């Protein structure tokens, strides 16, 4: 499965928990429903963090991948 086209991409490289989640939450708040947010992270805890975040908030974790040592997530806003 390929990644969906994102309307906004945010590079969170170098940030550790809880900053990636907080920055993602802020970015999602400014987007309309159905919009895809692409996140790039280096914190190895982010895969489980974003799975839990999406479960709790109702946003959809549409796609995730590890590319060039970075964790990438595509979240569709509810």
Protein backbone atom coordinates (compact mmCIF):
# COMPACT_ATOMS: atom_id res chain seq x y z
CA UNK A 1 0.00 0.00 0.00
CA UNK A 2 1.38 3.38 -0.93
CA UNK A 3 1.15 6.49 1.20
CA UNK A 4 -1.75 8.86 0.58
CA UNK A 5 -1.13 12.38 -0.69
CA UNK A 6 -0.72 14.70 2.28
CA UNK A 7 -1.95 18.28 2.40
CA UNK A 8 0.62 19.17 5.09
CA UNK A 9 3.99 17.67 6.01
CA UNK A 10 5.72 18.33 9.33
CA UNK A 11 9.30 17.27 10.08
CA UNK A 12 9.60 16.42 13.77
CA UNK A 13 13.12 14.96 13.50
CA UNK A 14 15.15 15.35 16.67
CA UNK A 15 12.12 15.80 18.92
CA UNK A 16 11.38 13.26 21.66
CA UNK A 17 8.20 12.34 23.48
CA UNK A 18 5.89 14.11 24.11
CA UNK A 19 6.78 16.80 21.56
CA UNK A 20 5.94 14.84 18.35
CA UNK A 21 2.43 14.11 19.65
CA UNK A 22 1.90 17.68 20.84
CA UNK A 23 3.06 19.16 17.52
CA UNK A 24 0.91 16.69 15.56
CA UNK A 25 -2.12 17.58 17.69
CA UNK A 26 -1.54 21.29 17.03
CA UNK A 27 -1.13 20.74 13.27
CA UNK A 28 -4.28 18.59 13.09
CA UNK A 29 -6.31 21.24 14.94
CA UNK A 30 -5.69 23.69 12.08
CA UNK A 31 -6.73 21.24 9.33
CA UNK A 32 -10.23 20.50 8.03
CA UNK A 33 -11.73 17.01 8.44
CA UNK A 34 -10.52 14.43 5.94
CA UNK A 35 -7.17 16.17 5.48
CA UNK A 36 -4.01 14.04 5.52
CA UNK A 37 -1.08 15.10 7.72
CA UNK A 38 2.38 13.60 7.00
CA UNK A 39 4.80 13.42 9.92
CA UNK A 40 8.53 12.61 9.91
CA UNK A 41 10.00 11.51 13.26
CA UNK A 42 13.23 10.10 14.67
CA UNK A 43 12.00 9.10 18.16
CA UNK A 44 11.78 5.26 18.21
CA UNK A 45 8.75 5.50 20.51
CA UNK A 46 6.60 7.31 17.97
CA UNK A 47 5.09 4.24 16.22
CA UNK A 48 3.32 3.10 19.39
CA UNK A 49 2.66 6.72 20.46
CA UNK A 50 0.87 7.61 17.23
CA UNK A 51 -1.13 4.35 17.20
CA UNK A 52 -2.39 5.17 20.71
CA UNK A 53 -2.96 8.83 19.81
CA UNK A 54 -5.13 7.91 16.82
CA UNK A 55 -7.11 5.34 18.83
CA UNK A 56 -7.81 7.92 21.53
CA UNK A 57 -8.64 10.86 19.25
CA UNK A 58 -10.53 9.14 16.42
CA UNK A 59 -8.09 10.25 13.72
CA UNK A 60 -7.05 7.52 11.26
CA UNK A 61 -3.44 6.32 11.06
CA UNK A 62 -3.73 5.84 7.31
CA UNK A 63 -0.17 4.70 6.58
CA UNK A 64 3.20 4.36 8.29
CA UNK A 65 6.67 3.52 7.07
CA UNK A 66 10.31 3.62 8.09
CA UNK A 67 12.30 5.40 5.39
CA UNK A 68 16.02 6.21 5.67
CA UNK A 69 15.96 5.53 9.40
CA UNK A 70 13.05 7.89 10.03
CA UNK A 71 9.54 6.97 11.11
CA UNK A 72 6.87 8.42 8.86
CA UNK A 73 3.15 8.61 9.50
CA UNK A 74 0.14 9.70 7.48
CA UNK A 75 -2.79 10.65 9.67
CA UNK A 76 -6.22 11.51 8.27
CA UNK A 77 -8.05 14.03 10.42
CA UNK A 78 -11.49 12.94 11.61
